[in-house]
């Protein structure tokens, strides 16, 4: 599903005659979104592994902090 902001940037860049600038902005926008999603995913994986280490089913494992 395309992002409405990216479509707006592309339409504005086409209407102003700066297509390459618009494409570069949309590319940077996409890379930034991907980095943010991967970072959030990695944080959730780390939190879930820490929570799993502190579960009651593993009484010999000490919790961090």
PDB file of N, CA and C in Angstrom:
ATOM      1  N   UNK A   1       0.849  -1.166   0.000  1.00  0.00           N
ATOM      2  CA  UNK A   1       0.000   0.000   0.000  1.00  0.00           C
ATOM      3  C   UNK A   1       0.899   1.235   0.000  1.00  0.00           C
ATOM      4  N   UNK A   2       0.743   2.091  -0.967  1.00  0.00           N
ATOM      5  CA  UNK A   2       1.589   3.278  -1.029  1.00  0.00           C
ATOM      6  C   UNK A   2       1.251   4.287   0.075  1.00  0.00           C
ATOM      7  N   UNK A   3       2.259   4.989   0.489  1.00  0.00           N
ATOM      8  CA  UNK A   3       2.097   5.999   1.528  1.00  0.00           C
ATOM      9  C   UNK A   3       1.526   7.276   0.896  1.00  0.00           C
ATOM     10  N   UNK A   4       0.496   7.852   1.472  1.00  0.00           N
ATOM     11  CA  UNK A   4      -0.080   9.080   0.906  1.00  0.00           C
ATOM     12  C   UNK A   4       0.918  10.239   0.866  1.00  0.00           C
ATOM     13  N   UNK A   5       1.797  10.302   1.850  1.00  0.00           N
ATOM     14  CA  UNK A   5       2.798  11.376   1.856  1.00  0.00           C
ATOM     15  C   UNK A   5       3.769  11.226   0.694  1.00  0.00           C
ATOM     16  N   UNK A   6       4.155  10.001   0.404  1.00  0.00           N
ATOM     17  CA  UNK A   6       5.069   9.771  -0.715  1.00  0.00           C
ATOM     18  C   UNK A   6       4.397  10.119  -2.043  1.00  0.00           C
ATOM     19  N   UNK A   7       3.128   9.766  -2.157  1.00  0.00           N
ATOM     20  CA  UNK A   7       2.408  10.124  -3.384  1.00  0.00           C
ATOM     21  C   UNK A   7       2.281  11.635  -3.532  1.00  0.00           C
ATOM     22  N   UNK A   8       2.042  12.328  -2.427  1.00  0.00           N
ATOM     23  CA  UNK A   8       1.946  13.791  -2.479  1.00  0.00           C
ATOM     24  C   UNK A   8       3.283  14.405  -2.894  1.00  0.00           C
ATOM     25  N   UNK A   9       4.378  13.874  -2.362  1.00  0.00           N
ATOM     26  CA  UNK A   9       5.705  14.384  -2.733  1.00  0.00           C
ATOM     27  C   UNK A   9       5.951  14.171  -4.220  1.00  0.00           C
ATOM     28  N   UNK A  10       5.614  12.982  -4.708  1.00  0.00           N
ATOM     29  CA  UNK A  10       5.818  12.712  -6.138  1.00  0.00           C
ATOM     30  C   UNK A  10       4.957  13.607  -7.016  1.00  0.00           C
ATOM     31  N   UNK A  11       3.707  13.797  -6.645  1.00  0.00           N
ATOM     32  CA  UNK A  11       2.840  14.652  -7.456  1.00  0.00           C
ATOM     33  C   UNK A  11       3.319  16.104  -7.457  1.00  0.00           C
ATOM     34  N   UNK A  12       3.741  16.569  -6.293  1.00  0.00           N
ATOM     35  CA  UNK A  12       4.252  17.946  -6.232  1.00  0.00           C
ATOM     36  C   UNK A  12       5.557  18.100  -7.009  1.00  0.00           C
ATOM     37  N   UNK A  13       6.413  17.089  -6.955  1.00  0.00           N
ATOM     38  CA  UNK A  13       7.679  17.189  -7.682  1.00  0.00           C
ATOM     39  C   UNK A  13       7.453  17.122  -9.192  1.00  0.00           C
ATOM     40  N   UNK A  14       6.477  16.337  -9.628  1.00  0.00           N
ATOM     41  CA  UNK A  14       6.164  16.283 -11.064  1.00  0.00           C
ATOM     42  C   UNK A  14       5.592  17.620 -11.526  1.00  0.00           C
ATOM     43  N   UNK A  15       4.701  18.193 -10.715  1.00  0.00           N
ATOM     44  CA  UNK A  15       4.086  19.459 -11.128  1.00  0.00           C
ATOM     45  C   UNK A  15       5.070  20.619 -11.108  1.00  0.00           C
ATOM     46  N   UNK A  16       6.103  20.535 -10.274  1.00  0.00           N
ATOM     47  CA  UNK A  16       7.092  21.616 -10.235  1.00  0.00           C
ATOM     48  C   UNK A  16       8.275  21.357 -11.158  1.00  0.00           C
ATOM     49  N   UNK A  17       8.322  20.182 -11.782  1.00  0.00           N
ATOM     50  CA  UNK A  17       9.390  19.892 -12.728  1.00  0.00           C
ATOM     51  C   UNK A  17      10.658  19.351 -12.083  1.00  0.00           C
ATOM     52  N   UNK A  18      10.601  18.934 -10.847  1.00  0.00           N
ATOM     53  CA  UNK A  18      11.783  18.414 -10.146  1.00  0.00           C
ATOM     54  C   UNK A  18      11.570  16.937  -9.799  1.00  0.00           C
ATOM     55  N   UNK A  19      11.413  16.135 -10.839  1.00  0.00           N
ATOM     56  CA  UNK A  19      11.098  14.728 -10.630  1.00  0.00           C
ATOM     57  C   UNK A  19      12.216  13.987  -9.902  1.00  0.00           C
ATOM     58  N   UNK A  20      13.451  14.230 -10.257  1.00  0.00           N
ATOM     59  CA  UNK A  20      14.564  13.507  -9.621  1.00  0.00           C
ATOM     60  C   UNK A  20      14.670  13.854  -8.129  1.00  0.00           C
ATOM     61  N   UNK A  21      14.423  15.090  -7.786  1.00  0.00           N
ATOM     62  CA  UNK A  21      14.425  15.481  -6.371  1.00  0.00           C
ATOM     63  C   UNK A  21      13.304  14.780  -5.624  1.00  0.00           C
ATOM     64  N   UNK A  22      12.137  14.698  -6.226  1.00  0.00           N
ATOM     65  CA  UNK A  22      11.012  14.005  -5.609  1.00  0.00           C
ATOM     66  C   UNK A  22      11.285  12.527  -5.423  1.00  0.00           C
ATOM     67  N   UNK A  23      11.897  11.897  -6.426  1.00  0.00           N
ATOM     68  CA  UNK A  23      12.246  10.483  -6.310  1.00  0.00           C
ATOM     69  C   UNK A  23      13.271  10.258  -5.209  1.00  0.00           C
ATOM     70  N   UNK A  24      14.240  11.153  -5.106  1.00  0.00           N
ATOM     71  CA  UNK A  24      15.252  11.032  -4.045  1.00  0.00           C
ATOM     72  C   UNK A  24      14.617  11.182  -2.669  1.00  0.00           C
ATOM     73  N   UNK A  25      13.688  12.116  -2.539  1.00  0.00           N
ATOM     74  CA  UNK A  25      13.000  12.303  -1.262  1.00  0.00           C
ATOM     75  C   UNK A  25      12.156  11.085  -0.881  1.00  0.00           C
ATOM     76  N   UNK A  26      11.457  10.522  -1.847  1.00  0.00           N
ATOM     77  CA  UNK A  26      10.639   9.340  -1.568  1.00  0.00           C
ATOM     78  C   UNK A  26      11.524   8.148  -1.218  1.00  0.00           C
ATOM     79  N   UNK A  27      12.659   8.021  -1.899  1.00  0.00           N
ATOM     80  CA  UNK A  27      13.597   6.944  -1.581  1.00  0.00           C
ATOM     81  C   UNK A  27      14.122   7.092  -0.149  1.00  0.00           C
ATOM     82  N   UNK A  28      14.509   8.301   0.224  1.00  0.00           N
ATOM     83  CA  UNK A  28      14.992   8.541   1.588  1.00  0.00           C
ATOM     84  C   UNK A  28      13.886   8.301   2.611  1.00  0.00           C
ATOM     85  N   UNK A  29      12.678   8.673   2.276  1.00  0.00           N
ATOM     86  CA  UNK A  29      11.515   8.451   3.134  1.00  0.00           C
ATOM     87  C   UNK A  29      11.301   6.954   3.362  1.00  0.00           C
ATOM     88  N   UNK A  30      11.416   6.174   2.301  1.00  0.00           N
ATOM     89  CA  UNK A  30      11.250   4.726   2.395  1.00  0.00           C
ATOM     90  C   UNK A  30      12.339   4.061   3.211  1.00  0.00           C
ATOM     91  N   UNK A  31      13.579   4.483   3.013  1.00  0.00           N
ATOM     92  CA  UNK A  31      14.702   3.919   3.775  1.00  0.00           C
ATOM     93  C   UNK A  31      14.543   4.255   5.258  1.00  0.00           C
ATOM     94  N   UNK A  32      14.144   5.473   5.562  1.00  0.00           N
ATOM     95  CA  UNK A  32      13.937   5.860   6.960  1.00  0.00           C
ATOM     96  C   UNK A  32      12.829   5.055   7.614  1.00  0.00           C
ATOM     97  N   UNK A  33      11.757   4.818   6.885  1.00  0.00           N
ATOM     98  CA  UNK A  33      10.668   4.001   7.420  1.00  0.00           C
ATOM     99  C   UNK A  33      11.100   2.565   7.660  1.00  0.00           C
ATOM    100  N   UNK A  34      11.890   2.021   6.742  1.00  0.00           N
ATOM    101  CA  UNK A  34      12.379   0.652   6.902  1.00  0.00           C
ATOM    102  C   UNK A  34      13.296   0.532   8.114  1.00  0.00           C
ATOM    103  N   UNK A  35      14.175   1.508   8.291  1.00  0.00           N
ATOM    104  CA  UNK A  35      15.081   1.486   9.450  1.00  0.00           C
ATOM    105  C   UNK A  35      14.287   1.574  10.750  1.00  0.00           C
ATOM    106  N   UNK A  36      13.273   2.410  10.764  1.00  0.00           N
ATOM    107  CA  UNK A  36      12.457   2.540  11.972  1.00  0.00           C
ATOM    108  C   UNK A  36      11.714   1.241  12.285  1.00  0.00           C
ATOM    109  N   UNK A  37      11.132   0.596  11.279  1.00  0.00           N
ATOM    110  CA  UNK A  37      10.406  -0.649  11.507  1.00  0.00           C
ATOM    111  C   UNK A  37      11.324  -1.773  11.972  1.00  0.00           C
ATOM    112  N   UNK A  38      12.504  -1.878  11.371  1.00  0.00           N
ATOM    113  CA  UNK A  38      13.455  -2.911  11.781  1.00  0.00           C
ATOM    114  C   UNK A  38      13.929  -2.657  13.205  1.00  0.00           C
ATOM    115  N   UNK A  39      14.170  -1.406  13.554  1.00  0.00           N
ATOM    116  CA  UNK A  39      14.617  -1.074  14.914  1.00  0.00           C
ATOM    117  C   UNK A  39      13.562  -1.439  15.948  1.00  0.00           C
ATOM    118  N   UNK A  40      12.322  -1.110  15.680  1.00  0.00           N
ATOM    119  CA  UNK A  40      11.235  -1.449  16.605  1.00  0.00           C
ATOM    120  C   UNK A  40      11.110  -2.967  16.733  1.00  0.00           C
ATOM    121  N   UNK A  41      11.229  -3.687  15.627  1.00  0.00           N
ATOM    122  CA  UNK A  41      11.170  -5.143  15.667  1.00  0.00           C
ATOM    123  C   UNK A  41      12.288  -5.744  16.495  1.00  0.00           C
ATOM    124  N   UNK A  42      13.504  -5.219  16.340  1.00  0.00           N
ATOM    125  CA  UNK A  42      14.634  -5.729  17.119  1.00  0.00           C
ATOM    126  C   UNK A  42      14.461  -5.453  18.612  1.00  0.00           C
ATOM    127  N   UNK A  43      13.903  -4.298  18.943  1.00  0.00           N
ATOM    128  CA  UNK A  43      13.655  -3.985  20.356  1.00  0.00           C
ATOM    129  C   UNK A  43      12.634  -4.963  20.938  1.00  0.00           C
ATOM    130  N   UNK A  44      11.575  -5.258  20.191  1.00  0.00           N
ATOM    131  CA  UNK A  44      10.571  -6.203  20.685  1.00  0.00           C
ATOM    132  C   UNK A  44      11.135  -7.609  20.830  1.00  0.00           C
ATOM    133  N   UNK A  45      12.003  -8.019  19.916  1.00  0.00           N
ATOM    134  CA  UNK A  45      12.630  -9.340  20.036  1.00  0.00           C
ATOM    135  C   UNK A  45      13.508  -9.387  21.268  1.00  0.00           C
ATOM    136  N   UNK A  46      14.272  -8.337  21.509  1.00  0.00           N
ATOM    137  CA  UNK A  46      15.144  -8.282  22.695  1.00  0.00           C
ATOM    138  C   UNK A  46      14.307  -8.311  23.972  1.00  0.00           C
ATOM    139  N   UNK A  47      13.237  -7.541  24.019  1.00  0.00           N
ATOM    140  CA  UNK A  47      12.376  -7.508  25.211  1.00  0.00           C
ATOM    141  C   UNK A  47      11.734  -8.872  25.444  1.00  0.00           C
ATOM    142  N   UNK A  48      11.279  -9.513  24.380  1.00  0.00           N
ATOM    143  CA  UNK A  48      10.629 -10.817  24.556  1.00  0.00           C
ATOM    144  C   UNK A  48      11.627 -11.875  25.003  1.00  0.00           C
ATOM    145  N   UNK A  49      12.870 -11.802  24.533  1.00  0.00           N
ATOM    146  CA  UNK A  49      13.862 -12.779  24.994  1.00  0.00           C
ATOM    147  C   UNK A  49      14.241 -12.524  26.449  1.00  0.00           C
ATOM    148  N   UNK A  50      14.258 -11.270  26.866  1.00  0.00           N
ATOM    149  CA  UNK A  50      14.530 -10.968  28.278  1.00  0.00           C
ATOM    150  C   UNK A  50      13.372 -11.428  29.156  1.00  0.00           C
ATOM    151  N   UNK A  51      12.151 -11.260  28.675  1.00  0.00           N
ATOM    152  CA  UNK A  51      10.990 -11.701  29.440  1.00  0.00           C
ATOM    153  C   UNK A  51      10.952 -13.220  29.529  1.00  0.00           C
ATOM    154  N   UNK A  52      11.377 -13.893  28.469  1.00  0.00           N
ATOM    155  CA  UNK A  52      11.412 -15.347  28.490  1.00  0.00           C
ATOM    156  C   UNK A  52      12.453 -15.880  29.458  1.00  0.00           C
ATOM    157  N   UNK A  53      13.546 -15.151  29.640  1.00  0.00           N
ATOM    158  CA  UNK A  53      14.592 -15.575  30.564  1.00  0.00           C
ATOM    159  C   UNK A  53      14.149 -15.423  32.009  1.00  0.00           C
ATOM    160  N   UNK A  54      13.173 -14.578  32.266  1.00  0.00           N
ATOM    161  CA  UNK A  54      12.712 -14.323  33.632  1.00  0.00           C
ATOM    162  C   UNK A  54      11.425 -15.073  33.958  1.00  0.00           C
ATOM    163  N   UNK A  55      11.048 -16.000  33.117  1.00  0.00           N
ATOM    164  CA  UNK A  55       9.768 -16.673  33.361  1.00  0.00           C
ATOM    165  C   UNK A  55       9.863 -17.626  34.549  1.00  0.00           C
ATOM    166  N   UNK A  56       8.719 -17.979  35.071  1.00  0.00           N
ATOM    167  CA  UNK A  56       8.651 -18.867  36.237  1.00  0.00           C
ATOM    168  C   UNK A  56       9.066 -20.279  35.850  1.00  0.00           C
ATOM    169  N   UNK A  57       8.944 -20.636  34.585  1.00  0.00           N
ATOM    170  CA  UNK A  57       9.268 -21.993  34.160  1.00  0.00           C
ATOM    171  C   UNK A  57      10.769 -22.266  34.186  1.00  0.00           C
ATOM    172  N   UNK A  58      11.576 -21.231  34.319  1.00  0.00           N
ATOM    173  CA  UNK A  58      13.027 -21.399  34.393  1.00  0.00           C
ATOM    174  C   UNK A  58      13.517 -20.803  35.713  1.00  0.00           C
ATOM    175  N   UNK A  59      13.357 -21.501  36.817  1.00  0.00           N
ATOM    176  CA  UNK A  59      13.647 -20.912  38.119  1.00  0.00           C
ATOM    177  C   UNK A  59      15.134 -20.656  38.372  1.00  0.00           C
ATOM    178  N   UNK A  60      16.036 -21.284  37.655  1.00  0.00           N
ATOM    179  CA  UNK A  60      17.459 -21.088  37.904  1.00  0.00           C
ATOM    180  C   UNK A  60      18.035 -19.860  37.234  1.00  0.00           C
ATOM    181  N   UNK A  61      17.270 -19.208  36.384  1.00  0.00           N
ATOM    182  CA  UNK A  61      17.753 -18.049  35.630  1.00  0.00           C
ATOM    183  C   UNK A  61      17.439 -16.792  36.392  1.00  0.00           C
ATOM    184  N   UNK A  62      18.448 -15.930  36.561  1.00  0.00           N
ATOM    185  CA  UNK A  62      18.222 -14.666  37.252  1.00  0.00           C
ATOM    186  C   UNK A  62      17.837 -13.597  36.250  1.00  0.00           C
ATOM    187  N   UNK A  63      16.949 -12.700  36.646  1.00  0.00           N
ATOM    188  CA  UNK A  63      16.484 -11.627  35.788  1.00  0.00           C
ATOM    189  C   UNK A  63      17.486 -10.472  35.793  1.00  0.00           C
ATOM    190  N   UNK A  64      17.693  -9.840  34.633  1.00  0.00           N
ATOM    191  CA  UNK A  64      18.581  -8.667  34.611  1.00  0.00           C
ATOM    192  C   UNK A  64      17.951  -7.494  35.343  1.00  0.00           C
ATOM    193  N   UNK A  65      18.792  -6.697  35.960  1.00  0.00           N
ATOM    194  CA  UNK A  65      18.329  -5.476  36.603  1.00  0.00           C
ATOM    195  C   UNK A  65      17.814  -5.741  37.934  1.00  0.00           C
TER     196      UNK A  65
END
